[in-house]
Amino acid sequence: MRVGQQILRKALVAGSALGLTIGGVAFAVASAPSAQAAGTCASAWSSGTVYTAGQQASENGTNYTANYWTQGNDPATSNGGSGSGQPWTSNGACTGGGGGTSGGTGGGTGGGTGGGTGGGGTGSASGLLFSPYKDVTINMNWNTYQMQSAAAGSVQPVVGSGSLVSQHLPKLPALTVAFATGACGSENWGGVSGANWAAENVPQLHAANLNYVVSTGGAAGTFTCGSTAGMDSFIARYASPNLVGVDFDIEGGQSASDIQNLVAAAAGAQAQYPNLQFSFTLATLGASDGSYGGVNSLGNTVVRALLGSSLKKYVINLMTMDYGNASSSVCVVSSGSCQMAQSAIQAVKNLEHTYGVPASKIAVTPMIGMNDATSETFTVADVSTLTSYAVSNGLAGLHYWSLDRDTPCSASYASPTCDSVPSTTPLQYTNKFLSALGY
């Protein structure tokens, strides 16, 4: 899928203490402290405070660093280092500072569809997951790295006060944020380091109680990960009770070995993150000529790797878009053009036929409005057809590319910031999906 122009900017992100209310329960979020001087105790650990990856606390004369989102896990008895499965790493003895203990109880877990605290400090996707893709580089605030969108008519934060979600899409259950590229642990988001992007956006997504999927790769980049420890650390950076999945958008640039390693790393991460959904997003055809033409050779490599792995909570997410010149060898043809909803349905059937993958492990991602193949347009009416099929057949997910495109324009090409359909209204596709899904 397309991603906006990558821009390299540098900025300092200052941590601040936040007071959050999730599901009507208030709790504190620790600010990100400066690295402690050798031997100086960080602020005392509190059972009612939320700590995210990299934040520090001390208890009984020992400093600890959080490995991922954690609340209520005593660092003295829950430490073991990154990759150990424990929420804390011990940094050794300290003196002075805030090295005592702090009691009290803290409440609050994530809510919404698939929310709540899961294994490894994440949420869990259950049932059909609806989450539009958001290209984080489009309208990003390059000073703070905050996600923004102009889909409703003017640039505003995606979540938070005065945001797109709070003002226009309060029923949106989840969002897929795209794309992290590079190697796990040193990944970036359009040139912004993973650490900086996560520090700005993960607390905001969690505070908004919006479930999210972290997507990697894409049409303009690749993502690799060669070990379980690397995958564990990657996930920990973005973990909160609202993280419900990790998505690998694989469109080229990875060898068969890279793919095997990626699948193996995801399978290994199940031990630490048993509730996360791991989706693999692949280009596909929707051949209707009886050939069952679907994923290409790269996709075949991915599907075969998944079927031969120990990964349990996997989903194959089909990019049902850009079929090319209309013919029954690539899509379902109607009036000389690819009928986009029916072609997506055919792509699902082809995957089921060729590989025996059940519907419960298949998701679809159309491109709303005009596709890169400009003769193809996924219409608002297609939303109803595809959603009805997805629900009645028990698909795992329904997504679309992309949130920023859900606003009208008269462009004669597939714009990254509008749908190239002048007759639509802002957020019409999203609201149609939500209505069709019963939100």
Protein backbone atom coordinates (compact mmCIF):
# COMPACT_ATOMS: atom_id res chain seq x y z
CA MET A 1 0.00 0.00 0.00
CA ARG A 2 1.12 3.52 -0.71
CA VAL A 3 2.80 5.63 1.93
CA GLY A 4 3.30 9.40 1.91
CA GLN A 5 6.58 11.09 1.09
CA GLN A 6 9.15 10.31 3.73
CA ILE A 7 10.49 13.44 5.39
CA LEU A 8 13.39 13.47 7.79
CA ARG A 9 12.93 15.88 10.65
CA LYS A 10 14.47 16.08 14.10
CA ALA A 11 12.78 17.28 17.25
CA LEU A 12 13.03 16.77 20.97
CA VAL A 13 10.05 15.15 22.61
CA ALA A 14 9.56 16.08 26.24
CA GLY A 15 7.82 13.61 28.54
CA SER A 16 5.10 14.87 30.86
CA ALA A 17 2.99 13.40 33.62
CA LEU A 18 -0.51 12.55 32.43
CA GLY A 19 -3.68 11.82 34.31
CA LEU A 20 -5.79 9.37 32.30
CA THR A 21 -9.33 8.15 32.70
CA ILE A 22 -10.05 4.84 30.96
CA GLY A 23 -13.49 3.27 31.21
CA GLY A 24 -14.36 5.73 33.96
CA VAL A 25 -11.37 4.76 36.10
CA ALA A 26 -8.66 7.32 36.70
CA PHE A 27 -5.01 6.46 37.06
CA ALA A 28 -1.62 8.09 36.66
CA VAL A 29 0.87 7.67 33.85
CA ALA A 30 4.51 8.08 34.75
CA SER A 31 6.47 10.78 32.98
CA ALA A 32 9.59 9.67 31.14
CA PRO A 33 12.44 10.63 33.49
CA SER A 34 15.92 11.57 32.45
CA ALA A 35 18.49 8.84 32.83
CA GLN A 36 19.43 8.62 36.48
CA ALA A 37 22.94 9.44 37.53
CA ALA A 38 24.89 6.33 38.51
CA GLY A 39 23.64 5.13 41.90
CA THR A 40 20.82 7.69 42.20
CA CYS A 41 17.37 6.24 42.80
CA ALA A 42 14.55 7.06 40.40
CA SER A 43 11.11 7.98 41.73
CA ALA A 44 9.63 5.28 43.94
CA TRP A 45 7.55 2.64 42.19
CA SER A 46 3.79 2.99 42.71
CA SER A 47 1.33 0.17 42.09
CA GLY A 48 -1.25 2.67 40.84
CA THR A 49 0.98 4.24 38.19
CA VAL A 50 1.22 3.16 34.56
CA TYR A 51 4.77 2.70 33.26
CA THR A 52 5.62 2.31 29.58
CA ALA A 53 8.74 0.90 27.92
CA GLY A 54 11.91 2.71 29.02
CA GLN A 55 10.46 4.47 32.08
CA GLN A 56 12.22 4.06 35.41
CA ALA A 57 11.19 3.45 39.00
CA SER A 58 12.97 2.37 42.16
CA GLU A 59 12.11 0.12 45.07
CA ASN A 60 14.04 -0.73 48.22
CA GLY A 61 17.31 0.73 46.95
CA THR A 62 17.20 -0.75 43.42
CA ASN A 63 16.44 0.98 40.10
CA TYR A 64 14.26 -0.74 37.49
CA THR A 65 13.37 0.02 33.85
CA ALA A 66 10.00 -0.98 32.37
CA ASN A 67 10.23 -3.38 29.41
CA TYR A 68 6.68 -2.65 28.23
CA TRP A 69 3.37 -1.19 29.46
CA THR A 70 2.85 -2.27 33.04
CA GLN A 71 0.76 -1.36 36.04
CA GLY A 72 0.68 -3.09 39.40
CA ASN A 73 3.54 -5.51 38.65
CA ASP A 74 6.04 -5.23 41.52
CA PRO A 75 9.50 -4.72 39.96
CA ALA A 76 11.18 -6.48 42.89
CA THR A 77 9.42 -9.74 41.99
CA SER A 78 8.71 -9.20 38.27
CA ASN A 79 12.05 -8.48 36.65
CA GLY A 80 14.19 -10.39 34.22
CA GLY A 81 15.33 -8.20 31.37
CA SER A 82 14.09 -7.58 27.84
CA GLY A 83 12.92 -10.78 26.18
CA SER A 84 12.42 -12.57 29.51
CA GLY A 85 8.68 -12.01 29.56
CA GLN A 86 8.94 -9.94 32.74
CA PRO A 87 7.77 -6.31 32.75
CA TRP A 88 10.88 -4.93 34.48
CA THR A 89 14.68 -4.99 34.16
CA SER A 90 16.79 -4.47 37.26
CA ASN A 91 19.45 -1.75 36.88
CA GLY A 92 21.18 -2.45 40.18
CA ALA A 93 21.52 -0.76 43.53
CA CYS A 94 20.86 2.95 44.03
CA THR A 95 20.91 5.49 46.84
CA GLY A 96 19.07 8.73 47.55
CA GLY A 97 16.32 9.98 45.27
CA GLY A 98 12.96 8.26 45.64
CA GLY A 99 14.07 4.76 46.44
CA GLY A 100 11.31 3.78 48.84
CA THR A 101 8.10 1.93 48.04
CA SER A 102 4.64 3.21 47.34
CA GLY A 103 1.49 1.27 48.06
CA GLY A 104 -2.07 1.79 46.98
CA THR A 105 -4.02 0.09 44.28
CA GLY A 106 -4.50 1.18 40.70
CA GLY A 107 -7.46 0.37 38.51
CA GLY A 108 -8.24 0.56 34.84
CA THR A 109 -7.86 -1.62 31.81
CA GLY A 110 -8.40 -0.92 28.14
CA GLY A 111 -11.89 -1.24 26.75
CA GLY A 112 -13.59 -1.29 23.38
CA THR A 113 -13.74 -4.15 20.92
CA GLY A 114 -10.96 -6.57 21.74
CA GLY A 115 -9.61 -4.30 24.49
CA GLY A 116 -8.59 -5.11 28.01
CA THR A 117 -5.31 -6.25 29.44
CA GLY A 118 -3.89 -9.33 27.78
CA GLY A 119 -0.70 -11.36 27.98
CA GLY A 120 2.45 -9.26 27.94
CA GLY A 121 0.54 -6.05 28.68
CA THR A 122 -1.46 -5.94 25.43
CA GLY A 123 -5.07 -6.23 24.38
CA SER A 124 -6.65 -8.95 22.30
CA ALA A 125 -8.47 -8.92 18.96
CA SER A 126 -11.62 -11.02 18.98
CA GLY A 127 -14.23 -11.45 16.30
CA LEU A 128 -14.07 -9.34 13.15
CA LEU A 129 -11.51 -6.55 13.55
CA PHE A 130 -12.35 -3.31 11.73
CA SER A 131 -9.41 -0.92 11.60
CA PRO A 132 -8.74 1.55 8.77
CA TYR A 133 -5.09 2.10 7.86
CA LYS A 134 -3.58 5.46 8.82
CA ASP A 135 -0.45 6.58 6.97
CA VAL A 136 1.28 8.30 9.89
CA THR A 137 3.46 10.46 7.62
CA ILE A 138 0.46 12.29 6.14
CA ASN A 139 -0.17 15.51 8.09
CA MET A 140 2.12 14.37 10.92
CA ASN A 141 3.21 17.13 13.29
CA TRP A 142 6.91 16.93 12.50
CA ASN A 143 7.83 18.83 15.67
CA THR A 144 6.13 16.44 18.09
CA TYR A 145 5.50 13.39 15.82
CA GLN A 146 1.81 13.42 16.73
CA MET A 147 -0.51 11.71 14.23
CA GLN A 148 -2.86 14.12 12.46
CA SER A 149 -5.40 13.93 9.65
CA ALA A 150 -7.35 16.33 7.43
CA ALA A 151 -10.00 13.79 6.40
CA ALA A 152 -12.78 15.79 8.10
CA GLY A 153 -11.81 19.00 6.28
CA SER A 154 -9.02 20.50 8.37
CA VAL A 155 -5.87 19.18 10.01
CA GLN A 156 -6.49 17.89 13.52
CA PRO A 157 -5.01 15.26 15.85
CA VAL A 158 -6.21 11.73 15.21
CA VAL A 159 -6.91 11.16 18.92
CA GLY A 160 -7.16 13.37 21.97
CA SER A 161 -8.89 16.67 22.61
CA GLY A 162 -10.45 18.20 19.50
CA SER A 163 -9.44 15.16 17.47
CA LEU A 164 -10.78 13.37 14.42
CA VAL A 165 -11.88 10.42 16.53
CA SER A 166 -13.42 12.36 19.41
CA GLN A 167 -15.29 14.81 17.19
CA HIS A 168 -16.17 12.78 14.10
CA LEU A 169 -15.60 9.05 14.67
CA PRO A 170 -16.37 8.32 18.34
CA LYS A 171 -17.50 4.77 17.49
CA LEU A 172 -14.32 3.82 15.63
CA PRO A 173 -13.14 0.61 17.36
CA ALA A 174 -9.56 0.44 16.10
CA LEU A 175 -6.91 1.92 13.82
CA THR A 176 -4.00 0.37 11.94
CA VAL A 177 -1.01 2.72 12.06
CA ALA A 178 1.42 2.42 9.13
CA PHE A 179 4.28 1.90 8.46
CA ALA A 180 7.30 0.99 10.58
CA THR A 181 10.20 0.04 8.31
CA GLY A 182 13.73 -1.29 8.81
CA ALA A 183 14.88 -3.92 11.27
CA CYS A 184 13.04 -4.60 14.51
CA GLY A 185 14.63 -2.54 17.26
CA SER A 186 15.93 0.13 14.87
CA GLU A 187 12.72 0.67 12.92
CA ASN A 188 11.51 4.11 11.89
CA TRP A 189 8.29 5.79 10.82
CA GLY A 190 9.01 7.91 7.76
CA GLY A 191 12.37 8.83 9.26
CA VAL A 192 11.14 9.24 12.86
CA SER A 193 12.72 6.76 15.26
CA GLY A 194 10.48 4.08 16.70
CA ALA A 195 11.22 5.32 20.21
CA ASN A 196 10.21 8.92 19.43
CA TRP A 197 7.09 7.94 17.51
CA ALA A 198 5.94 5.54 20.22
CA ALA A 199 6.60 8.00 23.04
CA GLU A 200 4.30 10.55 21.41
CA ASN A 201 1.51 8.38 20.06
CA VAL A 202 1.12 5.23 22.17
CA PRO A 203 0.05 7.09 25.35
CA GLN A 204 -2.42 9.14 23.29
CA LEU A 205 -3.98 6.07 21.67
CA HIS A 206 -4.27 4.40 25.06
CA ALA A 207 -5.71 7.53 26.71
CA ALA A 208 -8.34 7.66 23.94
CA ASN A 209 -9.08 3.97 24.59
CA LEU A 210 -8.69 3.34 20.85
CA ASN A 211 -7.45 -0.12 19.94
CA TYR A 212 -4.66 -0.18 17.38
CA VAL A 213 -2.56 -2.41 15.16
CA VAL A 214 1.07 -1.57 14.42
CA SER A 215 1.75 -2.13 10.72
CA THR A 216 5.18 -2.64 9.17
CA GLY A 217 6.64 -2.67 5.67
CA GLY A 218 4.36 -1.35 2.93
CA ALA A 219 4.89 -0.60 -0.76
CA ALA A 220 7.74 1.82 -0.09
CA GLY A 221 9.69 -0.12 2.53
CA THR A 222 10.46 -3.43 4.17
CA PHE A 223 10.59 -4.73 7.71
CA THR A 224 12.77 -7.55 8.95
CA CYS A 225 13.15 -9.31 12.28
CA GLY A 226 15.48 -12.25 12.81
CA SER A 227 14.82 -13.36 16.38
CA THR A 228 12.16 -13.81 19.02
CA ALA A 229 14.02 -11.43 21.33
CA GLY A 230 14.01 -8.79 18.61
CA MET A 231 10.29 -9.22 18.01
CA ASP A 232 9.56 -9.13 21.75
CA SER A 233 11.47 -5.87 22.08
CA PHE A 234 9.77 -4.39 19.02
CA ILE A 235 6.31 -5.18 20.37
CA ALA A 236 7.21 -3.94 23.85
CA ARG A 237 7.90 -0.47 22.44
CA TYR A 238 4.29 -0.12 21.30
CA ALA A 239 2.56 -2.22 23.96
CA SER A 240 -0.47 -1.07 25.93
CA PRO A 241 -3.82 -2.68 26.74
CA ASN A 242 -5.06 -1.23 23.43
CA LEU A 243 -2.45 -2.86 21.19
CA VAL A 244 -4.37 -5.72 19.58
CA GLY A 245 -2.20 -6.70 16.63
CA VAL A 246 0.98 -6.46 14.59
CA ASP A 247 0.70 -6.35 10.81
CA PHE A 248 3.39 -7.26 8.29
CA ASP A 249 2.65 -5.67 4.91
CA ILE A 250 4.90 -7.67 2.59
CA GLU A 251 5.10 -6.29 -0.94
CA GLY A 252 8.70 -6.93 -1.98
CA GLY A 253 12.33 -6.67 -0.98
CA GLN A 254 12.38 -9.61 1.43
CA SER A 255 14.06 -12.91 0.65
CA ALA A 256 12.53 -16.28 1.44
CA SER A 257 14.93 -16.43 4.38
CA ASP A 258 13.75 -13.03 5.63
CA ILE A 259 10.16 -14.22 5.50
CA GLN A 260 10.92 -17.49 7.30
CA ASN A 261 12.76 -15.53 10.00
CA LEU A 262 9.90 -13.05 10.35
CA VAL A 263 7.30 -15.80 10.73
CA ALA A 264 9.53 -17.65 13.20
CA ALA A 265 10.07 -14.47 15.25
CA ALA A 266 6.32 -13.86 15.39
CA ALA A 267 5.73 -17.47 16.41
CA GLY A 268 8.31 -17.12 19.16
CA ALA A 269 6.70 -13.90 20.40
CA GLN A 270 3.48 -15.81 21.13
CA ALA A 271 4.93 -16.88 24.47
CA GLN A 272 5.26 -13.28 25.61
CA TYR A 273 2.24 -11.92 23.72
CA PRO A 274 -0.29 -14.77 23.48
CA ASN A 275 -3.29 -12.55 22.75
CA LEU A 276 -1.88 -10.49 19.88
CA GLN A 277 -3.04 -11.06 16.33
CA PHE A 278 -0.25 -11.28 13.73
CA SER A 279 -1.51 -10.36 10.27
CA PHE A 280 0.36 -10.79 7.00
CA THR A 281 -0.85 -8.40 4.31
CA LEU A 282 -0.42 -9.64 0.74
CA ALA A 283 -1.26 -8.51 -2.78
CA THR A 284 -3.82 -10.69 -4.50
CA LEU A 285 -5.87 -11.21 -7.63
CA GLY A 286 -9.51 -12.18 -7.57
CA ALA A 287 -9.58 -14.41 -10.65
CA SER A 288 -13.08 -15.56 -11.56
CA ASP A 289 -12.23 -17.78 -14.55
CA GLY A 290 -11.88 -20.97 -12.54
CA SER A 291 -8.10 -20.67 -12.23
CA TYR A 292 -8.36 -19.51 -8.59
CA GLY A 293 -5.61 -16.97 -9.26
CA GLY A 294 -4.79 -15.14 -6.05
CA VAL A 295 -1.56 -14.30 -4.24
CA ASN A 296 1.64 -13.98 -6.27
CA SER A 297 4.87 -15.93 -5.76
CA LEU A 298 5.92 -13.73 -2.85
CA GLY A 299 2.54 -14.23 -1.23
CA ASN A 300 2.80 -17.96 -1.82
CA THR A 301 6.11 -17.97 0.07
CA VAL A 302 4.47 -16.17 3.00
CA VAL A 303 1.40 -18.41 3.11
CA ARG A 304 3.51 -21.59 2.93
CA ALA A 305 5.73 -20.28 5.73
CA LEU A 306 2.69 -19.58 7.90
CA LEU A 307 1.10 -22.95 7.27
CA GLY A 308 4.35 -24.67 8.22
CA SER A 309 4.91 -22.64 11.39
CA SER A 310 3.75 -22.88 14.98
CA LEU A 311 2.15 -19.42 14.82
CA LYS A 312 -1.45 -19.78 15.99
CA LYS A 313 -3.05 -16.31 15.92
CA TYR A 314 -2.15 -15.43 12.36
CA VAL A 315 -4.36 -13.74 9.77
CA ILE A 316 -3.77 -13.46 6.02
CA ASN A 317 -4.91 -9.98 5.03
CA LEU A 318 -5.63 -9.72 1.31
CA MET A 319 -5.05 -6.39 -0.45
CA THR A 320 -8.11 -6.47 -2.68
CA MET A 321 -7.13 -3.61 -4.98
CA ASP A 322 -5.23 -2.71 -8.15
CA TYR A 323 -6.05 -5.79 -10.21
CA GLY A 324 -4.97 -4.24 -13.52
CA ASN A 325 -6.74 -4.51 -16.87
CA ALA A 326 -10.18 -5.95 -16.26
CA SER A 327 -10.51 -9.62 -17.20
CA SER A 328 -11.81 -12.73 -15.52
CA SER A 329 -8.21 -13.87 -15.08
CA VAL A 330 -7.67 -11.16 -12.45
CA CYS A 331 -11.08 -10.13 -11.08
CA VAL A 332 -14.86 -10.34 -11.32
CA VAL A 333 -15.82 -8.25 -14.36
CA SER A 334 -18.98 -6.15 -14.60
CA SER A 335 -19.68 -3.72 -17.46
CA GLY A 336 -16.09 -3.99 -18.60
CA SER A 337 -14.53 -3.12 -15.21
CA CYS A 338 -13.47 -5.02 -12.11
CA GLN A 339 -16.38 -5.11 -9.67
CA MET A 340 -14.43 -4.35 -6.52
CA ALA A 341 -16.58 -5.90 -3.78
CA GLN A 342 -17.24 -9.09 -5.72
CA SER A 343 -13.56 -9.32 -6.69
CA ALA A 344 -12.59 -9.08 -3.02
CA ILE A 345 -15.02 -11.86 -2.16
CA GLN A 346 -13.59 -13.97 -4.99
CA ALA A 347 -10.06 -13.39 -3.66
CA VAL A 348 -11.14 -14.84 -0.30
CA LYS A 349 -12.66 -17.88 -2.00
CA ASN A 350 -9.51 -18.41 -4.07
CA LEU A 351 -7.30 -18.38 -0.96
CA GLU A 352 -9.60 -20.84 0.79
CA HIS A 353 -9.57 -23.13 -2.25
CA THR A 354 -5.84 -23.07 -2.97
CA TYR A 355 -4.45 -23.29 0.56
CA GLY A 356 -7.30 -24.50 2.74
CA VAL A 357 -7.09 -21.37 4.90
CA PRO A 358 -10.36 -20.95 6.84
CA ALA A 359 -12.37 -17.72 6.66
CA SER A 360 -11.62 -17.08 10.33
CA LYS A 361 -7.98 -16.49 9.38
CA ILE A 362 -8.63 -14.23 6.38
CA ALA A 363 -9.07 -10.44 6.30
CA VAL A 364 -9.59 -8.09 3.37
CA THR A 365 -8.32 -4.58 2.71
CA PRO A 366 -9.84 -2.71 -0.24
CA MET A 367 -8.63 0.71 -1.39
CA ILE A 368 -11.55 3.11 -1.06
CA GLY A 369 -12.36 5.32 -4.02
CA MET A 370 -10.18 5.28 -7.11
CA ASN A 371 -7.41 2.70 -7.15
CA ASP A 372 -3.97 3.05 -8.71
CA ALA A 373 -5.51 1.22 -11.64
CA THR A 374 -7.76 4.19 -12.38
CA SER A 375 -10.49 2.11 -14.03
CA GLU A 376 -11.13 0.52 -10.63
CA THR A 377 -13.23 2.32 -8.02
CA PHE A 378 -14.33 0.87 -4.70
CA THR A 379 -17.65 2.62 -4.11
CA VAL A 380 -19.68 3.37 -1.01
CA ALA A 381 -22.17 0.76 -2.22
CA ASP A 382 -19.34 -1.80 -2.29
CA VAL A 383 -18.97 -1.29 1.47
CA SER A 384 -22.35 -2.90 2.16
CA THR A 385 -21.70 -5.86 -0.14
CA LEU A 386 -18.27 -6.63 1.26
CA THR A 387 -19.23 -6.06 4.89
CA SER A 388 -22.23 -8.36 4.59
CA TYR A 389 -20.02 -11.13 3.21
CA ALA A 390 -17.32 -10.58 5.85
CA VAL A 391 -19.80 -10.79 8.72
CA SER A 392 -21.86 -13.71 7.42
CA ASN A 393 -18.78 -15.76 6.56
CA GLY A 394 -16.85 -15.04 9.76
CA LEU A 395 -13.83 -13.25 8.33
CA ALA A 396 -11.13 -12.20 10.79
CA GLY A 397 -10.85 -8.61 9.67
CA LEU A 398 -12.08 -5.80 7.46
CA HIS A 399 -9.81 -2.83 6.80
CA TYR A 400 -9.30 -0.22 4.11
CA TRP A 401 -6.61 1.99 2.64
CA SER A 402 -6.70 4.63 3.95
CA LEU A 403 -8.24 6.94 6.56
CA ASP A 404 -6.67 10.06 5.02
CA ARG A 405 -8.26 9.21 1.66
CA ASP A 406 -11.79 9.24 3.11
CA THR A 407 -12.60 12.71 1.81
CA PRO A 408 -13.76 13.75 -1.67
CA CYS A 409 -11.77 15.28 -4.51
CA SER A 410 -11.78 15.35 -8.29
CA ALA A 411 -8.22 14.10 -8.84
CA SER A 412 -7.77 11.91 -11.92
CA TYR A 413 -5.35 9.62 -10.09
CA ALA A 414 -5.28 7.78 -6.77
CA SER A 415 -4.40 10.59 -4.40
CA PRO A 416 -2.94 9.71 -0.98
CA THR A 417 -5.07 12.43 0.67
CA CYS A 418 -8.51 12.00 -0.94
CA ASP A 419 -10.62 9.36 -2.67
CA SER A 420 -10.69 10.88 -6.19
CA VAL A 421 -14.50 10.61 -6.12
CA PRO A 422 -16.05 14.10 -6.07
CA SER A 423 -19.55 12.88 -5.16
CA THR A 424 -18.66 11.49 -1.73
CA THR A 425 -18.61 13.36 1.59
CA PRO A 426 -15.88 13.47 4.26
CA LEU A 427 -15.62 10.20 6.20
CA GLN A 428 -18.51 8.68 4.25
CA TYR A 429 -16.71 5.38 3.73
CA THR A 430 -15.74 5.04 7.38
CA ASN A 431 -19.22 5.83 8.60
CA LYS A 432 -20.72 3.40 6.10
CA PHE A 433 -18.44 0.62 7.37
CA LEU A 434 -19.33 1.46 10.97
CA SER A 435 -23.05 1.45 10.21
CA ALA A 436 -22.87 -1.79 8.23
CA LEU A 437 -20.98 -3.44 11.09
CA GLY A 438 -23.54 -2.29 13.65
CA TYR A 439 -21.50 0.30 15.54
